[in-house]
Amino acid sequence: MRRHYLNGKTEEINAGDSEQAWLYEAYDFEQYIDAGKDRGELAMSYTIIKIMDVLRQSWKFKYPNELKIQENN
């Protein structure tokens, strides 16, 4: 992906493999916490995840990896 700035500069951005996106997020969050920068964001993220889990359950929505886990059990 290429980012174009108003001053005429451009920057090439390598976003990585979208299949690994959650791994990138987890790694960045781990670095953030290790650096002592958590100002309540971890608790907020946990709350959002719990809300999303409740919504997914009420919608009977499952991610493909969850379906694979159920098939293997």
Protein backbone atom coordinates (compact mmCIF):
# COMPACT_ATOMS: atom_id res chain seq x y z
CA MET A 1 0.00 0.00 0.00
CA ARG A 2 1.24 3.47 -0.79
CA ARG A 3 0.43 6.51 1.34
CA HIS A 4 0.46 9.92 -0.36
CA TYR A 5 1.04 13.02 1.76
CA LEU A 6 -0.10 16.57 1.00
CA ASN A 7 3.52 17.73 0.82
CA GLY A 8 4.08 15.41 -2.16
CA LYS A 9 5.95 12.69 -0.28
CA THR A 10 4.91 9.09 -0.64
CA GLU A 11 5.53 6.18 1.65
CA GLU A 12 5.30 2.47 0.91
CA ILE A 13 3.62 0.58 3.74
CA ASN A 14 4.00 -3.16 4.12
CA ALA A 15 1.04 -4.25 6.21
CA GLY A 16 2.01 -7.90 6.41
CA ASP A 17 -0.11 -10.97 5.97
CA SER A 18 -3.78 -10.33 6.75
CA GLU A 19 -4.10 -13.96 7.89
CA GLN A 20 -1.73 -13.05 10.72
CA ALA A 21 -3.42 -9.77 11.67
CA TRP A 22 -4.41 -10.88 15.18
CA LEU A 23 -0.87 -12.00 15.86
CA TYR A 24 0.39 -8.54 14.94
CA GLU A 25 -2.24 -6.97 17.21
CA ALA A 26 -1.36 -9.26 20.12
CA TYR A 27 2.36 -8.58 19.70
CA ASP A 28 1.84 -4.81 19.60
CA PHE A 29 -0.42 -4.91 22.65
CA GLU A 30 2.13 -7.00 24.53
CA GLN A 31 4.86 -4.46 23.71
CA TYR A 32 2.55 -1.66 24.83
CA ILE A 33 1.88 -3.30 28.21
CA ASP A 34 5.53 -4.27 28.73
CA ALA A 35 6.48 -0.63 28.21
CA GLY A 36 4.10 0.32 31.07
CA LYS A 37 1.83 2.42 28.87
CA ASP A 38 -1.50 0.85 29.87
CA ARG A 39 -3.84 3.59 31.08
CA GLY A 40 -6.90 1.39 31.37
CA GLU A 41 -6.95 0.33 27.75
CA LEU A 42 -6.40 -3.33 28.69
CA ALA A 43 -9.53 -3.36 30.88
CA MET A 44 -11.48 -1.57 28.15
CA SER A 45 -10.31 -4.09 25.53
CA TYR A 46 -11.31 -6.97 27.80
CA THR A 47 -14.78 -5.43 28.29
CA ILE A 48 -15.22 -4.99 24.53
CA ILE A 49 -14.18 -8.59 23.88
CA LYS A 50 -16.69 -9.84 26.46
CA ILE A 51 -19.47 -7.74 24.86
CA MET A 52 -18.56 -9.07 21.42
CA ASP A 53 -18.59 -12.64 22.75
CA VAL A 54 -22.11 -12.14 24.15
CA LEU A 55 -23.28 -10.67 20.85
CA ARG A 56 -21.74 -13.49 18.82
CA GLN A 57 -23.41 -16.07 21.07
CA SER A 58 -26.81 -14.37 20.77
CA TRP A 59 -26.39 -14.29 16.97
CA LYS A 60 -25.11 -17.91 16.95
CA PHE A 61 -22.08 -16.64 15.02
CA LYS A 62 -18.88 -18.68 15.08
CA TYR A 63 -15.52 -17.93 13.51
CA PRO A 64 -14.10 -20.61 11.18
CA ASN A 65 -11.40 -21.59 13.69
CA GLU A 66 -14.09 -22.17 16.35
CA LEU A 67 -15.93 -24.51 13.98
CA LYS A 68 -12.70 -26.47 13.37
CA ILE A 69 -12.16 -26.84 17.13
CA GLN A 70 -15.69 -28.21 17.55
CA GLU A 71 -15.18 -30.68 14.68
CA ASN A 72 -12.00 -32.00 16.29
CA ASN A 73 -13.61 -32.58 19.70
